Amino acid sequence: MSCQPAILDLLEEYIEMRGGGEQWLTVQEFRRYFGIGRNNTHLISGILHRIHKNPMFTSSCRVIRIEKIRDPAQPYRNVSRYLIRKMVPHLKKSSIQEP
């Protein structure tokens, strides 16, 4: 998937702009924030589901939880919202200790 790295970079940027840590996010909010067209909705949703299901997925963000909610603008419609957490990189300790 050639768009995947770009979406992951945008996701990281979104979390940084919102203050880092944990953020609730819907695909619609993400698309509106970056001006992404509706034809990419399934791509974004698929990447978020992949990050949630696969703990070995290489991304600096993790999807901790997915919830189904009613869309406030269209109450007859259910949408998914994702709890995204920015992961802090862990530094490996050197196996060689200095005296």
PDB file of N, CA and C in Angstrom:
ATOM      1  N   MET A   1       0.854  -1.168   0.000  1.00  0.00           N
ATOM      2  CA  MET A   1       0.000   0.000   0.000  1.00  0.00           C
ATOM      3  C   MET A   1       0.902   1.235   0.000  1.00  0.00           C
ATOM      4  N   SER A   2       0.924   1.971  -1.070  1.00  0.00           N
ATOM      5  CA  SER A   2       1.858   3.085  -1.203  1.00  0.00           C
ATOM      6  C   SER A   2       1.472   4.291  -0.351  1.00  0.00           C
ATOM      7  N   CYS A   3       0.216   4.446   0.009  1.00  0.00           N
ATOM      8  CA  CYS A   3      -0.236   5.599   0.802  1.00  0.00           C
ATOM      9  C   CYS A   3      -0.029   5.395   2.299  1.00  0.00           C
ATOM     10  N   GLN A   4       0.269   4.177   2.701  1.00  0.00           N
ATOM     11  CA  GLN A   4       0.354   3.863   4.125  1.00  0.00           C
ATOM     12  C   GLN A   4       1.360   4.729   4.876  1.00  0.00           C
ATOM     13  N   PRO A   5       2.610   4.884   4.417  1.00  0.00           N
ATOM     14  CA  PRO A   5       3.541   5.743   5.174  1.00  0.00           C
ATOM     15  C   PRO A   5       3.052   7.186   5.287  1.00  0.00           C
ATOM     16  N   ALA A   6       2.418   7.697   4.252  1.00  0.00           N
ATOM     17  CA  ALA A   6       1.909   9.072   4.295  1.00  0.00           C
ATOM     18  C   ALA A   6       0.799   9.205   5.335  1.00  0.00           C
ATOM     19  N   ILE A   7      -0.100   8.242   5.402  1.00  0.00           N
ATOM     20  CA  ILE A   7      -1.187   8.274   6.385  1.00  0.00           C
ATOM     21  C   ILE A   7      -0.616   8.166   7.796  1.00  0.00           C
ATOM     22  N   LEU A   8       0.381   7.311   7.989  1.00  0.00           N
ATOM     23  CA  LEU A   8       0.997   7.173   9.312  1.00  0.00           C
ATOM     24  C   LEU A   8       1.689   8.462   9.738  1.00  0.00           C
ATOM     25  N   ASP A   9       2.343   9.135   8.799  1.00  0.00           N
ATOM     26  CA  ASP A   9       2.978  10.425   9.107  1.00  0.00           C
ATOM     27  C   ASP A   9       1.932  11.475   9.478  1.00  0.00           C
ATOM     28  N   LEU A  10       0.816  11.488   8.743  1.00  0.00           N
ATOM     29  CA  LEU A  10      -0.261  12.434   9.052  1.00  0.00           C
ATOM     30  C   LEU A  10      -0.885  12.133  10.414  1.00  0.00           C
ATOM     31  N   LEU A  11      -1.013  10.848  10.730  1.00  0.00           N
ATOM     32  CA  LEU A  11      -1.563  10.458  12.031  1.00  0.00           C
ATOM     33  C   LEU A  11      -0.656  10.948  13.162  1.00  0.00           C
ATOM     34  N   GLU A  12       0.638  10.778  12.995  1.00  0.00           N
ATOM     35  CA  GLU A  12       1.593  11.252  14.001  1.00  0.00           C
ATOM     36  C   GLU A  12       1.525  12.777  14.133  1.00  0.00           C
ATOM     37  N   GLU A  13       1.428  13.460  12.998  1.00  0.00           N
ATOM     38  CA  GLU A  13       1.321  14.921  13.015  1.00  0.00           C
ATOM     39  C   GLU A  13       0.035  15.366  13.716  1.00  0.00           C
ATOM     40  N   TYR A  14      -1.072  14.666  13.455  1.00  0.00           N
ATOM     41  CA  TYR A  14      -2.358  14.991  14.083  1.00  0.00           C
ATOM     42  C   TYR A  14      -2.251  14.892  15.605  1.00  0.00           C
ATOM     43  N   ILE A  15      -1.651  13.813  16.091  1.00  0.00           N
ATOM     44  CA  ILE A  15      -1.506  13.617  17.533  1.00  0.00           C
ATOM     45  C   ILE A  15      -0.617  14.705  18.130  1.00  0.00           C
ATOM     46  N   GLU A  16       0.467  15.044  17.439  1.00  0.00           N
ATOM     47  CA  GLU A  16       1.374  16.094  17.926  1.00  0.00           C
ATOM     48  C   GLU A  16       0.657  17.444  17.998  1.00  0.00           C
ATOM     49  N   MET A  17      -0.122  17.769  16.974  1.00  0.00           N
ATOM     50  CA  MET A  17      -0.821  19.051  16.934  1.00  0.00           C
ATOM     51  C   MET A  17      -1.910  19.138  18.003  1.00  0.00           C
ATOM     52  N   ARG A  18      -2.443  17.996  18.406  1.00  0.00           N
ATOM     53  CA  ARG A  18      -3.491  17.963  19.432  1.00  0.00           C
ATOM     54  C   ARG A  18      -2.926  17.840  20.844  1.00  0.00           C
ATOM     55  N   GLY A  19      -1.624  17.901  20.977  1.00  0.00           N
ATOM     56  CA  GLY A  19      -1.024  17.887  22.305  1.00  0.00           C
ATOM     57  C   GLY A  19      -0.402  16.571  22.724  1.00  0.00           C
ATOM     58  N   GLY A  20      -0.340  15.590  21.832  1.00  0.00           N
ATOM     59  CA  GLY A  20       0.281  14.312  22.174  1.00  0.00           C
ATOM     60  C   GLY A  20      -0.571  13.493  23.115  1.00  0.00           C
ATOM     61  N   GLY A  21       0.021  12.451  23.671  1.00  0.00           N
ATOM     62  CA  GLY A  21      -0.708  11.594  24.609  1.00  0.00           C
ATOM     63  C   GLY A  21      -1.773  10.777  23.910  1.00  0.00           C
ATOM     64  N   GLU A  22      -2.942  10.682  24.530  1.00  0.00           N
ATOM     65  CA  GLU A  22      -4.062   9.929  23.970  1.00  0.00           C
ATOM     66  C   GLU A  22      -5.096  10.878  23.392  1.00  0.00           C
ATOM     67  N   GLN A  23      -5.647  10.507  22.254  1.00  0.00           N
ATOM     68  CA  GLN A  23      -6.662  11.320  21.580  1.00  0.00           C
ATOM     69  C   GLN A  23      -7.730  10.405  20.988  1.00  0.00           C
ATOM     70  N   TRP A  24      -8.986  10.819  21.099  1.00  0.00           N
ATOM     71  CA  TRP A  24     -10.052  10.148  20.370  1.00  0.00           C
ATOM     72  C   TRP A  24     -10.103  10.752  18.975  1.00  0.00           C
ATOM     73  N   LEU A  25     -10.352   9.913  17.992  1.00  0.00           N
ATOM     74  CA  LEU A  25     -10.306  10.338  16.598  1.00  0.00           C
ATOM     75  C   LEU A  25     -11.335   9.563  15.792  1.00  0.00           C
ATOM     76  N   THR A  26     -12.053  10.254  14.916  1.00  0.00           N
ATOM     77  CA  THR A  26     -12.872   9.572  13.918  1.00  0.00           C
ATOM     78  C   THR A  26     -12.219   9.808  12.565  1.00  0.00           C
ATOM     79  N   VAL A  27     -12.514   8.940  11.623  1.00  0.00           N
ATOM     80  CA  VAL A  27     -11.939   9.089  10.286  1.00  0.00           C
ATOM     81  C   VAL A  27     -12.391  10.410   9.669  1.00  0.00           C
ATOM     82  N   GLN A  28     -13.641  10.786   9.912  1.00  0.00           N
ATOM     83  CA  GLN A  28     -14.164  12.037   9.371  1.00  0.00           C
ATOM     84  C   GLN A  28     -13.388  13.243   9.914  1.00  0.00           C
ATOM     85  N   GLU A  29     -13.099  13.259  11.209  1.00  0.00           N
ATOM     86  CA  GLU A  29     -12.305  14.348  11.789  1.00  0.00           C
ATOM     87  C   GLU A  29     -10.907  14.404  11.162  1.00  0.00           C
ATOM     88  N   PHE A  30     -10.308  13.238  10.997  1.00  0.00           N
ATOM     89  CA  PHE A  30      -8.972  13.143  10.412  1.00  0.00           C
ATOM     90  C   PHE A  30      -8.970  13.671   8.978  1.00  0.00           C
ATOM     91  N   ARG A  31      -9.975  13.247   8.199  1.00  0.00           N
ATOM     92  CA  ARG A  31     -10.075  13.704   6.804  1.00  0.00           C
ATOM     93  C   ARG A  31     -10.272  15.208   6.730  1.00  0.00           C
ATOM     94  N   ARG A  32     -11.163  15.739   7.566  1.00  0.00           N
ATOM     95  CA  ARG A  32     -11.423  17.186   7.553  1.00  0.00           C
ATOM     96  C   ARG A  32     -10.190  17.984   7.957  1.00  0.00           C
ATOM     97  N   TYR A  33      -9.462  17.507   8.946  1.00  0.00           N
ATOM     98  CA  TYR A  33      -8.288  18.216   9.452  1.00  0.00           C
ATOM     99  C   TYR A  33      -7.231  18.384   8.358  1.00  0.00           C
ATOM    100  N   PHE A  34      -7.045  17.343   7.543  1.00  0.00           N
ATOM    101  CA  PHE A  34      -6.017  17.379   6.504  1.00  0.00           C
ATOM    102  C   PHE A  34      -6.570  17.625   5.104  1.00  0.00           C
ATOM    103  N   GLY A  35      -7.883  17.771   4.969  1.00  0.00           N
ATOM    104  CA  GLY A  35      -8.478  18.020   3.657  1.00  0.00           C
ATOM    105  C   GLY A  35      -8.381  16.820   2.730  1.00  0.00           C
ATOM    106  N   ILE A  36      -8.503  15.622   3.279  1.00  0.00           N
ATOM    107  CA  ILE A  36      -8.422  14.387   2.497  1.00  0.00           C
ATOM    108  C   ILE A  36      -9.811  14.058   1.965  1.00  0.00           C
ATOM    109  N   GLY A  37      -9.888  13.588   0.740  1.00  0.00           N
ATOM    110  CA  GLY A  37     -11.166  13.280   0.105  1.00  0.00           C
ATOM    111  C   GLY A  37     -11.859  12.061   0.693  1.00  0.00           C
ATOM    112  N   ARG A  38     -13.161  11.972   0.436  1.00  0.00           N
ATOM    113  CA  ARG A  38     -13.969  10.856   0.952  1.00  0.00           C
ATOM    114  C   ARG A  38     -13.555   9.518   0.372  1.00  0.00           C
ATOM    115  N   ASN A  39     -12.943   9.536  -0.809  1.00  0.00           N
ATOM    116  CA  ASN A  39     -12.553   8.273  -1.436  1.00  0.00           C
ATOM    117  C   ASN A  39     -11.434   7.563  -0.667  1.00  0.00           C
ATOM    118  N   ASN A  40     -10.812   8.215   0.303  1.00  0.00           N
ATOM    119  CA  ASN A  40      -9.754   7.600   1.111  1.00  0.00           C
ATOM    120  C   ASN A  40     -10.239   7.134   2.480  1.00  0.00           C
ATOM    121  N   THR A  41     -11.541   7.200   2.722  1.00  0.00           N
ATOM    122  CA  THR A  41     -12.101   6.822   4.019  1.00  0.00           C
ATOM    123  C   THR A  41     -11.758   5.382   4.387  1.00  0.00           C
ATOM    124  N   HIS A  42     -11.951   4.456   3.458  1.00  0.00           N
ATOM    125  CA  HIS A  42     -11.694   3.041   3.739  1.00  0.00           C
ATOM    126  C   HIS A  42     -10.211   2.772   3.951  1.00  0.00           C
ATOM    127  N   LEU A  43      -9.361   3.491   3.245  1.00  0.00           N
ATOM    128  CA  LEU A  43      -7.915   3.355   3.416  1.00  0.00           C
ATOM    129  C   LEU A  43      -7.509   3.751   4.836  1.00  0.00           C
ATOM    130  N   ILE A  44      -7.984   4.897   5.299  1.00  0.00           N
ATOM    131  CA  ILE A  44      -7.650   5.387   6.639  1.00  0.00           C
ATOM    132  C   ILE A  44      -8.192   4.432   7.702  1.00  0.00           C
ATOM    133  N   SER A  45      -9.443   4.026   7.548  1.00  0.00           N
ATOM    134  CA  SER A  45     -10.059   3.105   8.496  1.00  0.00           C
ATOM    135  C   SER A  45      -9.307   1.776   8.537  1.00  0.00           C
ATOM    136  N   GLY A  46      -8.923   1.275   7.378  1.00  0.00           N
ATOM    137  CA  GLY A  46      -8.182   0.014   7.303  1.00  0.00           C
ATOM    138  C   GLY A  46      -6.841   0.084   8.010  1.00  0.00           C
ATOM    139  N   ILE A  47      -6.134   1.193   7.842  1.00  0.00           N
ATOM    140  CA  ILE A  47      -4.840   1.360   8.508  1.00  0.00           C
ATOM    141  C   ILE A  47      -5.029   1.425  10.021  1.00  0.00           C
ATOM    142  N   LEU A  48      -6.045   2.152  10.475  1.00  0.00           N
ATOM    143  CA  LEU A  48      -6.301   2.243  11.917  1.00  0.00           C
ATOM    144  C   LEU A  48      -6.663   0.876  12.507  1.00  0.00           C
ATOM    145  N   HIS A  49      -7.460   0.085  11.782  1.00  0.00           N
ATOM    146  CA  HIS A  49      -7.799  -1.263  12.241  1.00  0.00           C
ATOM    147  C   HIS A  49      -6.560  -2.151  12.262  1.00  0.00           C
ATOM    148  N   ARG A  50      -5.698  -2.018  11.267  1.00  0.00           N
ATOM    149  CA  ARG A  50      -4.477  -2.820  11.209  1.00  0.00           C
ATOM    150  C   ARG A  50      -3.560  -2.495  12.390  1.00  0.00           C
ATOM    151  N   ILE A  51      -3.439  -1.211  12.726  1.00  0.00           N
ATOM    152  CA  ILE A  51      -2.622  -0.813  13.877  1.00  0.00           C
ATOM    153  C   ILE A  51      -3.206  -1.405  15.162  1.00  0.00           C
ATOM    154  N   HIS A  52      -4.544  -1.456  15.249  1.00  0.00           N
ATOM    155  CA  HIS A  52      -5.207  -1.987  16.443  1.00  0.00           C
ATOM    156  C   HIS A  52      -5.014  -3.498  16.577  1.00  0.00           C
ATOM    157  N   LYS A  53      -5.175  -4.220  15.485  1.00  0.00           N
ATOM    158  CA  LYS A  53      -5.146  -5.686  15.515  1.00  0.00           C
ATOM    159  C   LYS A  53      -3.739  -6.264  15.588  1.00  0.00           C
ATOM    160  N   ASN A  54      -2.761  -5.568  15.024  1.00  0.00           N
ATOM    161  CA  ASN A  54      -1.415  -6.111  14.910  1.00  0.00           C
ATOM    162  C   ASN A  54      -0.447  -5.337  15.809  1.00  0.00           C
ATOM    163  N   PRO A  55      -0.092  -5.883  16.963  1.00  0.00           N
ATOM    164  CA  PRO A  55       0.810  -5.153  17.866  1.00  0.00           C
ATOM    165  C   PRO A  55       2.219  -4.981  17.306  1.00  0.00           C
ATOM    166  N   MET A  56       2.582  -5.758  16.312  1.00  0.00           N
ATOM    167  CA  MET A  56       3.917  -5.653  15.729  1.00  0.00           C
ATOM    168  C   MET A  56       3.964  -4.653  14.577  1.00  0.00           C
ATOM    169  N   PHE A  57       2.847  -4.010  14.279  1.00  0.00           N
ATOM    170  CA  PHE A  57       2.780  -3.035  13.193  1.00  0.00           C
ATOM    171  C   PHE A  57       3.710  -1.874  13.514  1.00  0.00           C
ATOM    172  N   THR A  58       4.554  -1.500  12.562  1.00  0.00           N
ATOM    173  CA  THR A  58       5.546  -0.452  12.815  1.00  0.00           C
ATOM    174  C   THR A  58       4.918   0.926  12.662  1.00  0.00           C
ATOM    175  N   SER A  59       4.617   1.528  13.782  1.00  0.00           N
ATOM    176  CA  SER A  59       4.053   2.868  13.812  1.00  0.00           C
ATOM    177  C   SER A  59       4.376   3.489  15.161  1.00  0.00           C
ATOM    178  N   SER A  60       4.526   4.798  15.180  1.00  0.00           N
ATOM    179  CA  SER A  60       4.800   5.471  16.452  1.00  0.00           C
ATOM    180  C   SER A  60       3.510   5.706  17.238  1.00  0.00           C
ATOM    181  N   CYS A  61       2.369   5.384  16.640  1.00  0.00           N
ATOM    182  CA  CYS A  61       1.071   5.529  17.303  1.00  0.00           C
ATOM    183  C   CYS A  61       0.415   4.159  17.425  1.00  0.00           C
ATOM    184  N   ARG A  62      -0.367   3.974  18.455  1.00  0.00           N
ATOM    185  CA  ARG A  62      -1.123   2.745  18.671  1.00  0.00           C
ATOM    186  C   ARG A  62      -2.594   3.072  18.819  1.00  0.00           C
ATOM    187  N   VAL A  63      -3.431   2.205  18.253  1.00  0.00           N
ATOM    188  CA  VAL A  63      -4.872   2.302  18.465  1.00  0.00           C
ATOM    189  C   VAL A  63      -5.178   1.415  19.664  1.00  0.00           C
ATOM    190  N   ILE A  64      -5.552   2.035  20.760  1.00  0.00           N
ATOM    191  CA  ILE A  64      -5.788   1.328  22.015  1.00  0.00           C
ATOM    192  C   ILE A  64      -7.196   0.742  22.066  1.00  0.00           C
ATOM    193  N   ARG A  65      -8.162   1.471  21.521  1.00  0.00           N
ATOM    194  CA  ARG A  65      -9.556   1.046  21.605  1.00  0.00           C
ATOM    195  C   ARG A  65     -10.334   1.570  20.405  1.00  0.00           C
ATOM    196  N   ILE A  66     -11.330   0.788  19.970  1.00  0.00           N
ATOM    197  CA  ILE A  66     -12.245   1.209  18.911  1.00  0.00           C
ATOM    198  C   ILE A  66     -13.654   1.112  19.476  1.00  0.00           C
ATOM    199  N   GLU A  67     -14.424   2.195  19.346  1.00  0.00           N
ATOM    200  CA  GLU A  67     -15.810   2.221  19.819  1.00  0.00           C
ATOM    201  C   GLU A  67     -16.729   2.640  18.682  1.00  0.00           C
ATOM    202  N   LYS A  68     -17.931   2.096  18.688  1.00  0.00           N
ATOM    203  CA  LYS A  68     -18.976   2.518  17.756  1.00  0.00           C
ATOM    204  C   LYS A  68     -19.817   3.579  18.455  1.00  0.00           C
ATOM    205  N   ILE A  69     -19.995   4.722  17.803  1.00  0.00           N
ATOM    206  CA  ILE A  69     -20.801   5.806  18.368  1.00  0.00           C
ATOM    207  C   ILE A  69     -21.777   6.300  17.309  1.00  0.00           C
ATOM    208  N   ARG A  70     -22.788   7.030  17.752  1.00  0.00           N
ATOM    209  CA  ARG A  70     -23.716   7.673  16.817  1.00  0.00           C
ATOM    210  C   ARG A  70     -23.096   8.973  16.337  1.00  0.00           C
ATOM    211  N   ASP A  71     -23.222   9.221  15.054  1.00  0.00           N
ATOM    212  CA  ASP A  71     -22.723  10.465  14.474  1.00  0.00           C
ATOM    213  C   ASP A  71     -23.635  11.599  14.932  1.00  0.00           C
ATOM    214  N   PRO A  72     -23.097  12.620  15.638  1.00  0.00           N
ATOM    215  CA  PRO A  72     -23.950  13.707  16.131  1.00  0.00           C
ATOM    216  C   PRO A  72     -24.655  14.472  15.011  1.00  0.00           C
ATOM    217  N   ALA A  73     -24.021  14.581  13.856  1.00  0.00           N
ATOM    218  CA  ALA A  73     -24.627  15.303  12.737  1.00  0.00           C
ATOM    219  C   ALA A  73     -25.720  14.479  12.064  1.00  0.00           C
ATOM    220  N   GLN A  74     -25.571  13.151  12.091  1.00  0.00           N
ATOM    221  CA  GLN A  74     -26.538  12.246  11.464  1.00  0.00           C
ATOM    222  C   GLN A  74     -26.831  11.115  12.452  1.00  0.00           C
ATOM    223  N   PRO A  75     -27.790  11.302  13.367  1.00  0.00           N
ATOM    224  CA  PRO A  75     -28.004  10.347  14.462  1.00  0.00           C
ATOM    225  C   PRO A  75     -28.388   8.931  14.028  1.00  0.00           C
ATOM    226  N   TYR A  76     -28.816   8.743  12.802  1.00  0.00           N
ATOM    227  CA  TYR A  76     -29.166   7.410  12.321  1.00  0.00           C
ATOM    228  C   TYR A  76     -27.930   6.630  11.877  1.00  0.00           C
ATOM    229  N   ARG A  77     -26.784   7.267  11.889  1.00  0.00           N
ATOM    230  CA  ARG A  77     -25.554   6.678  11.362  1.00  0.00           C
ATOM    231  C   ARG A  77     -24.572   6.380  12.502  1.00  0.00           C
ATOM    232  N   ASN A  78     -23.993   5.183  12.495  1.00  0.00           N
ATOM    233  CA  ASN A  78     -22.954   4.815  13.457  1.00  0.00           C
ATOM    234  C   ASN A  78     -21.586   4.987  12.812  1.00  0.00           C
ATOM    235  N   VAL A  79     -20.638   5.481  13.582  1.00  0.00           N
ATOM    236  CA  VAL A  79     -19.258   5.617  13.111  1.00  0.00           C
ATOM    237  C   VAL A  79     -18.325   5.043  14.176  1.00  0.00           C
ATOM    238  N   SER A  80     -17.129   4.714  13.756  1.00  0.00           N
ATOM    239  CA  SER A  80     -16.117   4.235  14.696  1.00  0.00           C
ATOM    240  C   SER A  80     -15.266   5.403  15.151  1.00  0.00           C
ATOM    241  N   ARG A  81     -14.927   5.382  16.421  1.00  0.00           N
ATOM    242  CA  ARG A  81     -13.936   6.342  16.898  1.00  0.00           C
ATOM    243  C   ARG A  81     -12.803   5.532  17.517  1.00  0.00           C
ATOM    244  N   TYR A  82     -11.613   6.056  17.364  1.00  0.00           N
ATOM    245  CA  TYR A  82     -10.402   5.334  17.714  1.00  0.00           C
ATOM    246  C   TYR A  82      -9.658   6.093  18.808  1.00  0.00           C
ATOM    247  N   LEU A  83      -9.230   5.379  19.834  1.00  0.00           N
ATOM    248  CA  LEU A  83      -8.392   5.976  20.868  1.00  0.00           C
ATOM    249  C   LEU A  83      -6.943   5.737  20.454  1.00  0.00           C
ATOM    250  N   ILE A  84      -6.271   6.825  20.089  1.00  0.00           N
ATOM    251  CA  ILE A  84      -4.906   6.762  19.576  1.00  0.00           C
ATOM    252  C   ILE A  84      -3.952   7.208  20.678  1.00  0.00           C
ATOM    253  N   ARG A  85      -2.873   6.470  20.848  1.00  0.00           N
ATOM    254  CA  ARG A  85      -1.847   6.837  21.827  1.00  0.00           C
ATOM    255  C   ARG A  85      -0.502   6.946  21.120  1.00  0.00           C
ATOM    256  N   LYS A  86       0.163   8.041  21.375  1.00  0.00           N
ATOM    257  CA  LYS A  86       1.518   8.243  20.852  1.00  0.00           C
ATOM    258  C   LYS A  86       2.466   7.424  21.709  1.00  0.00           C
ATOM    259  N   MET A  87       3.228   6.543  21.078  1.00  0.00           N
ATOM    260  CA  MET A  87       4.156   5.689  21.807  1.00  0.00           C
ATOM    261  C   MET A  87       5.484   6.405  21.991  1.00  0.00           C
ATOM    262  N   VAL A  88       6.046   6.259  23.166  1.00  0.00           N
ATOM    263  CA  VAL A  88       7.346   6.852  23.471  1.00  0.00           C
ATOM    264  C   VAL A  88       8.413   5.812  23.152  1.00  0.00           C
ATOM    265  N   PRO A  89       9.394   6.166  22.322  1.00  0.00           N
ATOM    266  CA  PRO A  89      10.436   5.183  22.004  1.00  0.00           C
ATOM    267  C   PRO A  89      11.271   4.851  23.241  1.00  0.00           C
ATOM    268  N   HIS A  90      11.552   3.572  23.404  1.00  0.00           N
ATOM    269  CA  HIS A  90      12.374   3.122  24.524  1.00  0.00           C
ATOM    270  C   HIS A  90      13.822   3.046  24.075  1.00  0.00           C
ATOM    271  N   LEU A  91      14.701   3.539  24.904  1.00  0.00           N
ATOM    272  CA  LEU A  91      16.123   3.456  24.608  1.00  0.00           C
ATOM    273  C   LEU A  91      16.665   2.151  25.175  1.00  0.00           C
ATOM    274  N   LYS A  92      17.397   1.427  24.339  1.00  0.00           N
ATOM    275  CA  LYS A  92      17.994   0.179  24.796  1.00  0.00           C
ATOM    276  C   LYS A  92      19.257   0.494  25.584  1.00  0.00           C
ATOM    277  N   LYS A  93      19.398  -0.189  26.683  1.00  0.00           N
ATOM    278  CA  LYS A  93      20.610  -0.012  27.472  1.00  0.00           C
ATOM    279  C   LYS A  93      21.739  -0.786  26.808  1.00  0.00           C
ATOM    280  N   SER A  94      22.885  -0.210  26.820  1.00  0.00           N
ATOM    281  CA  SER A  94      24.049  -0.849  26.232  1.00  0.00           C
ATOM    282  C   SER A  94      24.436  -2.060  27.069  1.00  0.00           C
ATOM    283  N   SER A  95      24.799  -3.141  26.398  1.00  0.00           N
ATOM    284  CA  SER A  95      25.214  -4.341  27.114  1.00  0.00           C
ATOM    285  C   SER A  95      26.618  -4.180  27.688  1.00  0.00           C
ATOM    286  N   ILE A  96      27.348  -3.189  27.187  1.00  0.00           N
ATOM    287  CA  ILE A  96      28.691  -2.917  27.689  1.00  0.00           C
ATOM    288  C   ILE A  96      28.595  -1.786  28.703  1.00  0.00           C
ATOM    289  N   GLN A  97      28.987  -2.064  29.912  1.00  0.00           N
ATOM    290  CA  GLN A  97      28.939  -1.044  30.946  1.00  0.00           C
ATOM    291  C   GLN A  97      30.311  -0.421  31.105  1.00  0.00           C
ATOM    292  N   GLU A  98      30.299   0.887  31.230  1.00  0.00           N
ATOM    293  CA  GLU A  98      31.564   1.596  31.379  1.00  0.00           C
ATOM    294  C   GLU A  98      31.971   1.624  32.845  1.00  0.00           C
ATOM    295  N   PRO A  99      33.286   1.582  33.126  1.00  0.00           N
ATOM    296  CA  PRO A  99      33.760   1.580  34.517  1.00  0.00           C
ATOM    297  C   PRO A  99      33.564   2.891  35.206  1.00  0.00           C
TER     298      PRO A  99
END
